[in-house]
Amino acid sequence: MKEIIGLKHGEKTKIANKYGCTIHTVRIALKGYSESKLAMNIRKEALRRGAIERPQKLVKLTDSPQ
């Protein structure tokens, strides 16, 4: 799932208040870590408010030094 970025200052708080959830829930939804109905609504609202989508960053796992 794509990550949503580019919200103006305070928009995450406004989205959280609109849906009656925490800012943490909004962050999780925007990062693409959740696919619940609430998360999808949060993502749609963020896009309506001018955010943009980008592919998620891939985390490169490295071998631990031995």
PDB file of N, CA and C in Angstrom:
ATOM      1  N   MET A   1       0.848  -1.173   0.000  1.00  0.00           N
ATOM      2  CA  MET A   1       0.000   0.000   0.000  1.00  0.00           C
ATOM      3  C   MET A   1       0.895   1.238   0.000  1.00  0.00           C
ATOM      4  N   LYS A   2       0.444   2.272  -0.654  1.00  0.00           N
ATOM      5  CA  LYS A   2       1.228   3.495  -0.751  1.00  0.00           C
ATOM      6  C   LYS A   2       1.104   4.332   0.513  1.00  0.00           C
ATOM      7  N   GLU A   3       2.159   5.067   0.795  1.00  0.00           N
ATOM      8  CA  GLU A   3       2.192   5.980   1.934  1.00  0.00           C
ATOM      9  C   GLU A   3       1.630   7.324   1.480  1.00  0.00           C
ATOM     10  N   ILE A   4       0.922   7.999   2.371  1.00  0.00           N
ATOM     11  CA  ILE A   4       0.362   9.308   2.051  1.00  0.00           C
ATOM     12  C   ILE A   4       1.146  10.366   2.806  1.00  0.00           C
ATOM     13  N   ILE A   5       1.638  11.366   2.057  1.00  0.00           N
ATOM     14  CA  ILE A   5       2.469  12.422   2.650  1.00  0.00           C
ATOM     15  C   ILE A   5       1.969  13.788   2.198  1.00  0.00           C
ATOM     16  N   GLY A   6       2.521  14.817   2.775  1.00  0.00           N
ATOM     17  CA  GLY A   6       2.284  16.171   2.295  1.00  0.00           C
ATOM     18  C   GLY A   6       1.108  16.896   2.914  1.00  0.00           C
ATOM     19  N   LEU A   7       0.665  16.471   4.088  1.00  0.00           N
ATOM     20  CA  LEU A   7      -0.415  17.201   4.756  1.00  0.00           C
ATOM     21  C   LEU A   7       0.138  18.463   5.394  1.00  0.00           C
ATOM     22  N   LYS A   8      -0.635  19.515   5.352  1.00  0.00           N
ATOM     23  CA  LYS A   8      -0.233  20.759   5.997  1.00  0.00           C
ATOM     24  C   LYS A   8      -0.290  20.609   7.507  1.00  0.00           C
ATOM     25  N   HIS A   9       0.392  21.508   8.193  1.00  0.00           N
ATOM     26  CA  HIS A   9       0.451  21.489   9.653  1.00  0.00           C
ATOM     27  C   HIS A   9      -0.959  21.507  10.252  1.00  0.00           C
ATOM     28  N   GLY A  10      -1.235  20.581  11.142  1.00  0.00           N
ATOM     29  CA  GLY A  10      -2.514  20.534  11.838  1.00  0.00           C
ATOM     30  C   GLY A  10      -3.582  19.693  11.165  1.00  0.00           C
ATOM     31  N   GLU A  11      -3.336  19.224   9.948  1.00  0.00           N
ATOM     32  CA  GLU A  11      -4.346  18.446   9.230  1.00  0.00           C
ATOM     33  C   GLU A  11      -4.576  17.071   9.859  1.00  0.00           C
ATOM     34  N   LYS A  12      -3.523  16.447  10.371  1.00  0.00           N
ATOM     35  CA  LYS A  12      -3.700  15.136  11.016  1.00  0.00           C
ATOM     36  C   LYS A  12      -4.612  15.265  12.229  1.00  0.00           C
ATOM     37  N   THR A  13      -4.454  16.347  12.985  1.00  0.00           N
ATOM     38  CA  THR A  13      -5.303  16.583  14.155  1.00  0.00           C
ATOM     39  C   THR A  13      -6.747  16.772  13.730  1.00  0.00           C
ATOM     40  N   LYS A  14      -6.968  17.524  12.669  1.00  0.00           N
ATOM     41  CA  LYS A  14      -8.333  17.748  12.178  1.00  0.00           C
ATOM     42  C   LYS A  14      -8.977  16.452  11.711  1.00  0.00           C
ATOM     43  N   ILE A  15      -8.202  15.612  11.041  1.00  0.00           N
ATOM     44  CA  ILE A  15      -8.720  14.320  10.580  1.00  0.00           C
ATOM     45  C   ILE A  15      -9.049  13.432  11.781  1.00  0.00           C
ATOM     46  N   ALA A  16      -8.159  13.424  12.777  1.00  0.00           N
ATOM     47  CA  ALA A  16      -8.401  12.628  13.988  1.00  0.00           C
ATOM     48  C   ALA A  16      -9.684  13.077  14.684  1.00  0.00           C
ATOM     49  N   ASN A  17      -9.881  14.374  14.781  1.00  0.00           N
ATOM     50  CA  ASN A  17     -11.096  14.888  15.419  1.00  0.00           C
ATOM     51  C   ASN A  17     -12.344  14.528  14.617  1.00  0.00           C
ATOM     52  N   LYS A  18     -12.259  14.587  13.304  1.00  0.00           N
ATOM     53  CA  LYS A  18     -13.410  14.265  12.452  1.00  0.00           C
ATOM     54  C   LYS A  18     -13.856  12.821  12.629  1.00  0.00           C
ATOM     55  N   TYR A  19     -12.899  11.905  12.732  1.00  0.00           N
ATOM     56  CA  TYR A  19     -13.222  10.481  12.832  1.00  0.00           C
ATOM     57  C   TYR A  19     -13.232   9.959  14.265  1.00  0.00           C
ATOM     58  N   GLY A  20     -12.978  10.822  15.235  1.00  0.00           N
ATOM     59  CA  GLY A  20     -13.036  10.401  16.637  1.00  0.00           C
ATOM     60  C   GLY A  20     -11.965   9.396  17.012  1.00  0.00           C
ATOM     61  N   CYS A  21     -10.771   9.592  16.473  1.00  0.00           N
ATOM     62  CA  CYS A  21      -9.678   8.667  16.781  1.00  0.00           C
ATOM     63  C   CYS A  21      -8.459   9.479  17.218  1.00  0.00           C
ATOM     64  N   THR A  22      -7.365   8.797  17.473  1.00  0.00           N
ATOM     65  CA  THR A  22      -6.148   9.478  17.917  1.00  0.00           C
ATOM     66  C   THR A  22      -5.286   9.857  16.716  1.00  0.00           C
ATOM     67  N   ILE A  23      -4.344  10.757  16.949  1.00  0.00           N
ATOM     68  CA  ILE A  23      -3.405  11.138  15.897  1.00  0.00           C
ATOM     69  C   ILE A  23      -2.537   9.934  15.518  1.00  0.00           C
ATOM     70  N   HIS A  24      -2.240   9.106  16.494  1.00  0.00           N
ATOM     71  CA  HIS A  24      -1.464   7.891  16.222  1.00  0.00           C
ATOM     72  C   HIS A  24      -2.193   7.009  15.200  1.00  0.00           C
ATOM     73  N   THR A  25      -3.498   6.855  15.347  1.00  0.00           N
ATOM     74  CA  THR A  25      -4.287   6.066  14.402  1.00  0.00           C
ATOM     75  C   THR A  25      -4.200   6.662  13.005  1.00  0.00           C
ATOM     76  N   VAL A  26      -4.245   7.988  12.919  1.00  0.00           N
ATOM     77  CA  VAL A  26      -4.138   8.664  11.628  1.00  0.00           C
ATOM     78  C   VAL A  26      -2.773   8.395  11.009  1.00  0.00           C
ATOM     79  N   ARG A  27      -1.709   8.497  11.802  1.00  0.00           N
ATOM     80  CA  ARG A  27      -0.353   8.233  11.289  1.00  0.00           C
ATOM     81  C   ARG A  27      -0.227   6.808  10.751  1.00  0.00           C
ATOM     82  N   ILE A  28      -0.763   5.852  11.500  1.00  0.00           N
ATOM     83  CA  ILE A  28      -0.704   4.441  11.079  1.00  0.00           C
ATOM     84  C   ILE A  28      -1.448   4.258   9.757  1.00  0.00           C
ATOM     85  N   ALA A  29      -2.609   4.889   9.638  1.00  0.00           N
ATOM     86  CA  ALA A  29      -3.388   4.788   8.402  1.00  0.00           C
ATOM     87  C   ALA A  29      -2.643   5.412   7.230  1.00  0.00           C
ATOM     88  N   LEU A  30      -2.038   6.572   7.453  1.00  0.00           N
ATOM     89  CA  LEU A  30      -1.345   7.274   6.375  1.00  0.00           C
ATOM     90  C   LEU A  30      -0.063   6.575   5.955  1.00  0.00           C
ATOM     91  N   LYS A  31       0.555   5.847   6.862  1.00  0.00           N
ATOM     92  CA  LYS A  31       1.749   5.068   6.526  1.00  0.00           C
ATOM     93  C   LYS A  31       1.397   3.811   5.733  1.00  0.00           C
ATOM     94  N   GLY A  32       0.103   3.442   5.742  1.00  0.00           N
ATOM     95  CA  GLY A  32      -0.320   2.254   5.011  1.00  0.00           C
ATOM     96  C   GLY A  32      -0.192   0.973   5.798  1.00  0.00           C
ATOM     97  N   TYR A  33      -0.042   1.081   7.111  1.00  0.00           N
ATOM     98  CA  TYR A  33       0.120  -0.108   7.946  1.00  0.00           C
ATOM     99  C   TYR A  33      -1.207  -0.778   8.277  1.00  0.00           C
ATOM    100  N   SER A  34      -2.314  -0.096   8.079  1.00  0.00           N
ATOM    101  CA  SER A  34      -3.630  -0.632   8.399  1.00  0.00           C
ATOM    102  C   SER A  34      -4.521  -0.551   7.168  1.00  0.00           C
ATOM    103  N   GLU A  35      -5.385  -1.542   7.011  1.00  0.00           N
ATOM    104  CA  GLU A  35      -6.308  -1.555   5.880  1.00  0.00           C
ATOM    105  C   GLU A  35      -7.754  -1.646   6.353  1.00  0.00           C
ATOM    106  N   SER A  36      -8.035  -1.165   7.557  1.00  0.00           N
ATOM    107  CA  SER A  36      -9.393  -1.197   8.072  1.00  0.00           C
ATOM    108  C   SER A  36     -10.264  -0.171   7.352  1.00  0.00           C
ATOM    109  N   LYS A  37     -11.563  -0.249   7.570  1.00  0.00           N
ATOM    110  CA  LYS A  37     -12.484   0.702   6.962  1.00  0.00           C
ATOM    111  C   LYS A  37     -12.164   2.124   7.430  1.00  0.00           C
ATOM    112  N   LEU A  38     -11.859   2.284   8.717  1.00  0.00           N
ATOM    113  CA  LEU A  38     -11.496   3.591   9.252  1.00  0.00           C
ATOM    114  C   LEU A  38     -10.225   4.109   8.578  1.00  0.00           C
ATOM    115  N   ALA A  39      -9.238   3.240   8.422  1.00  0.00           N
ATOM    116  CA  ALA A  39      -7.983   3.643   7.791  1.00  0.00           C
ATOM    117  C   ALA A  39      -8.217   4.102   6.355  1.00  0.00           C
ATOM    118  N   MET A  40      -9.058   3.406   5.630  1.00  0.00           N
ATOM    119  CA  MET A  40      -9.354   3.791   4.250  1.00  0.00           C
ATOM    120  C   MET A  40     -10.052   5.151   4.203  1.00  0.00           C
ATOM    121  N   ASN A  41     -10.976   5.390   5.138  1.00  0.00           N
ATOM    122  CA  ASN A  41     -11.646   6.692   5.200  1.00  0.00           C
ATOM    123  C   ASN A  41     -10.664   7.807   5.534  1.00  0.00           C
ATOM    124  N   ILE A  42      -9.746   7.539   6.440  1.00  0.00           N
ATOM    125  CA  ILE A  42      -8.721   8.522   6.809  1.00  0.00           C
ATOM    126  C   ILE A  42      -7.856   8.844   5.598  1.00  0.00           C
ATOM    127  N   ARG A  43      -7.474   7.820   4.848  1.00  0.00           N
ATOM    128  CA  ARG A  43      -6.634   8.021   3.666  1.00  0.00           C
ATOM    129  C   ARG A  43      -7.362   8.859   2.606  1.00  0.00           C
ATOM    130  N   LYS A  44      -8.640   8.556   2.386  1.00  0.00           N
ATOM    131  CA  LYS A  44      -9.429   9.323   1.413  1.00  0.00           C
ATOM    132  C   LYS A  44      -9.541  10.781   1.839  1.00  0.00           C
ATOM    133  N   GLU A  45      -9.779  11.006   3.121  1.00  0.00           N
ATOM    134  CA  GLU A  45      -9.893  12.374   3.633  1.00  0.00           C
ATOM    135  C   GLU A  45      -8.580  13.126   3.469  1.00  0.00           C
ATOM    136  N   ALA A  46      -7.470  12.468   3.725  1.00  0.00           N
ATOM    137  CA  ALA A  46      -6.160  13.107   3.566  1.00  0.00           C
ATOM    138  C   ALA A  46      -5.933  13.507   2.110  1.00  0.00           C
ATOM    139  N   LEU A  47      -6.309  12.644   1.192  1.00  0.00           N
ATOM    140  CA  LEU A  47      -6.152  12.964  -0.226  1.00  0.00           C
ATOM    141  C   LEU A  47      -7.047  14.142  -0.618  1.00  0.00           C
ATOM    142  N   ARG A  48      -8.255  14.198  -0.049  1.00  0.00           N
ATOM    143  CA  ARG A  48      -9.147  15.335  -0.300  1.00  0.00           C
ATOM    144  C   ARG A  48      -8.544  16.634   0.211  1.00  0.00           C
ATOM    145  N   ARG A  49      -7.739  16.527   1.260  1.00  0.00           N
ATOM    146  CA  ARG A  49      -7.135  17.716   1.871  1.00  0.00           C
ATOM    147  C   ARG A  49      -5.800  18.087   1.237  1.00  0.00           C
ATOM    148  N   GLY A  50      -5.445  17.454   0.138  1.00  0.00           N
ATOM    149  CA  GLY A  50      -4.261  17.864  -0.606  1.00  0.00           C
ATOM    150  C   GLY A  50      -3.021  17.014  -0.422  1.00  0.00           C
ATOM    151  N   ALA A  51      -3.121  15.917   0.303  1.00  0.00           N
ATOM    152  CA  ALA A  51      -1.962  15.034   0.468  1.00  0.00           C
ATOM    153  C   ALA A  51      -1.707  14.279  -0.839  1.00  0.00           C
ATOM    154  N   ILE A  52      -0.539  13.689  -0.954  1.00  0.00           N
ATOM    155  CA  ILE A  52      -0.202  12.903  -2.135  1.00  0.00           C
ATOM    156  C   ILE A  52       0.254  11.512  -1.706  1.00  0.00           C
ATOM    157  N   GLU A  53       0.165  10.565  -2.646  1.00  0.00           N
ATOM    158  CA  GLU A  53       0.599   9.197  -2.375  1.00  0.00           C
ATOM    159  C   GLU A  53       1.982   8.970  -2.955  1.00  0.00           C
ATOM    160  N   ARG A  54       2.744   8.142  -2.285  1.00  0.00           N
ATOM    161  CA  ARG A  54       4.032   7.699  -2.821  1.00  0.00           C
ATOM    162  C   ARG A  54       4.241   6.252  -2.383  1.00  0.00           C
ATOM    163  N   PRO A  55       5.032   5.500  -3.129  1.00  0.00           N
ATOM    164  CA  PRO A  55       5.293   4.113  -2.727  1.00  0.00           C
ATOM    165  C   PRO A  55       5.957   4.075  -1.354  1.00  0.00           C
ATOM    166  N   GLN A  56       5.647   3.029  -0.597  1.00  0.00           N
ATOM    167  CA  GLN A  56       6.266   2.890   0.721  1.00  0.00           C
ATOM    168  C   GLN A  56       7.756   2.676   0.563  1.00  0.00           C
ATOM    169  N   LYS A  57       8.499   3.206   1.532  1.00  0.00           N
ATOM    170  CA  LYS A  57       9.938   2.974   1.547  1.00  0.00           C
ATOM    171  C   LYS A  57      10.199   1.517   1.911  1.00  0.00           C
ATOM    172  N   LEU A  58      11.128   0.919   1.232  1.00  0.00           N
ATOM    173  CA  LEU A  58      11.521  -0.444   1.560  1.00  0.00           C
ATOM    174  C   LEU A  58      12.650  -0.377   2.576  1.00  0.00           C
ATOM    175  N   VAL A  59      12.546  -1.167   3.588  1.00  0.00           N
ATOM    176  CA  VAL A  59      13.572  -1.200   4.621  1.00  0.00           C
ATOM    177  C   VAL A  59      14.551  -2.311   4.265  1.00  0.00           C
ATOM    178  N   LYS A  60      15.803  -1.941   4.117  1.00  0.00           N
ATOM    179  CA  LYS A  60      16.821  -2.935   3.785  1.00  0.00           C
ATOM    180  C   LYS A  60      17.354  -3.527   5.079  1.00  0.00           C
ATOM    181  N   LEU A  61      17.220  -4.816   5.203  1.00  0.00           N
ATOM    182  CA  LEU A  61      17.738  -5.506   6.379  1.00  0.00           C
ATOM    183  C   LEU A  61      19.173  -5.912   6.098  1.00  0.00           C
ATOM    184  N   THR A  62      20.045  -5.597   7.022  1.00  0.00           N
ATOM    185  CA  THR A  62      21.445  -5.946   6.853  1.00  0.00           C
ATOM    186  C   THR A  62      21.822  -7.020   7.872  1.00  0.00           C
ATOM    187  N   ASP A  63      22.861  -7.731   7.545  1.00  0.00           N
ATOM    188  CA  ASP A  63      23.366  -8.732   8.474  1.00  0.00           C
ATOM    189  C   ASP A  63      23.991  -8.026   9.661  1.00  0.00           C
ATOM    190  N   SER A  64      23.757  -8.543  10.831  1.00  0.00           N
ATOM    191  CA  SER A  64      24.375  -7.951  12.001  1.00  0.00           C
ATOM    192  C   SER A  64      25.850  -8.329  12.050  1.00  0.00           C
ATOM    193  N   PRO A  65      26.697  -7.409  12.523  1.00  0.00           N
ATOM    194  CA  PRO A  65      28.134  -7.725  12.593  1.00  0.00           C
ATOM    195  C   PRO A  65      28.400  -8.864  13.562  1.00  0.00           C
ATOM    196  N   GLN A  66      29.355  -9.684  13.211  1.00  0.00           N
ATOM    197  CA  GLN A  66      29.651 -10.844  14.075  1.00  0.00           C
ATOM    198  C   GLN A  66      31.043 -10.806  14.580  1.00  0.00           C
TER     199      GLN A  66
END
